[in-house]
């Protein structure tokens, strides 16, 4: 096989479109220590791609062989291949590009008297004027393989791909300045930034920075850093997802699945999270020589990496944004020394549960309905007269809903409850403006997180029913109950066959004792039927607990007192991931005073 044909075959693997050339040339520029890189394009990169850098340059004696295959490789032994620490390493790119385009190199080595230009077609070299660094010009891409040019898209599309290729490098190297010119016009410029956040704002948007949280987590030999977008920032397309392994942009199934797993508890529907994450790992534990484009990698221990990434994002998203500025632990709503007679009967199970879990969890679990029908519609800032006899006494620092005084802003980020709207929303006031809370969604998350805490340590505590609840079951429900007899107790449920077509619910989770046991059993069995019973706790634990929490959360049209609303707000501030419900919907929104002024044209 002729050498030229071999080179063209290799080029087909390395160079797919103009953006592939840009990527390879940027890798070389960064390996040369460049601090400023300028990319010039014409016709979307088809007519011209020029990458200019201020790196260390290429010595004259090495420039003559720079276009030979593997001449610029950084690999001298198998050990070097297994511990790659540079962006480029095979030495194929320049030779591949030269086989399918007109290529020229202008370079001046640091300390050299002059620069030299190399013509890729003829091999001729001549002195030229240039500062230290290298310029690589690629003209008429695919002129030697016209069939490949037919597969290219419009100039605008190819330009967009080239800009994205530069953006991927720019996000990983904020200390390097990048500029992109097309047809003589500056289309993008990202100046060298001292802080990664500034590069994120320049290359993506200020909105990305404002709606993301910092990630910094170390798990054994793996460290994960970067920024992960909050669930509200999720998009319909996966166009703002950047993952780097040792500084190299990659697309990897293990990493993508780990990120998605971390978001599944807080993301709504099929929305795609946004993130810029970097994974640092010993080069010997990752193989970057998997694909000609170097965009795929293979990890020695995929499970280790998966766990590190998942835990890194989960931990970053866990802290409720409402309480991000709070340094004080919210005071419990009900005093632990309060006489039992002073507390409404329907609340007492939650009090006992709180005593076991610790202070601050007094209203963590509310049954769906009050056992004695207490409560009336909220009419003002104090508990209505009909419930006055049940008004609890407060411990020092506890919520005083009837008091007009504000608590310190960092102590009550979600503010003070004012009223309930349509039996669905809680209206609260903080220093920024009006806070609107979906009470069912918020309480559902609180119940869910408590159930997860219980399951982390052991099986969920169950409460036997005095009279088993029986119901007519479908053959599938009966089969699922029998197959999952060993799994159900870990979820606090006991469901046994009562007859060939009847099931009996004999125990339910203690925190959901006042819910509908039959409805709960049907929902859990339906979830179990979709998963492998032997691994259900590992694979579907969150889905099952979410279903249970939904049945245990306070329902819409349930009238709450001001004290109850304030207690819910305090619990939200102290509960992880309380900004979204179990299904990924937001639990609260803030209308600032400025936004309210705009609604009423104030100041205009």
Foldseek 3Di string as FASTA:
>chain_A
DDPLVVLQVLLVQQDQAQLSLLLVVVLVQVLLVFQEWEWEDEQLRQFKTKIWTQGQWDDPVLVLCLQPFQSPAPDDDPVCQLQPQGSGHRSSNNNSLLSFWWKKKWADGVPDPFIKMATSVPSDIDTDHDHHTMMMMTGNGRPVPVVSVVPDDGSVVSNVSNLVSVLLLCLLQLSHWYWYHYPRHTDATRHRDPDSLSSCCRSPRPVQSVQWFWFWFDQVQKTKTWIWGAQVPFALDQPQAFEEESSHTADEPLLLVLVCVLCLQAHFDNTHIHIHMYMYGRSSQKRQPPGSSSRYIDGNDSVSVSVRNSVRSNVRQFAFPLQPLAPDQQFAQADLPWDPVLAQPQQVLLSVVCVVVDTLRSPLFGAQARPVRDDDAEDWQAGDPSCVSNDTDGDPNHDDSNDPDWDPCNRQSQAAWTHADQQAWTWHAGPFGIKIFGQQLLSLQSQLQVLVVCLVVFAFAKDFDPDWDKDFADQLLQVLCVVLCVPVRSPRWHWHDPDNGMITTGIHGSSHVNFDSVVLSVVLSVQSSVDDSVCCCPPPVSVSSSSVSSRRTHDGPDHDGSSVVSSSSSSLNVGTNSQGGSNNHGGMDGQGPVNVCVVVVPPD
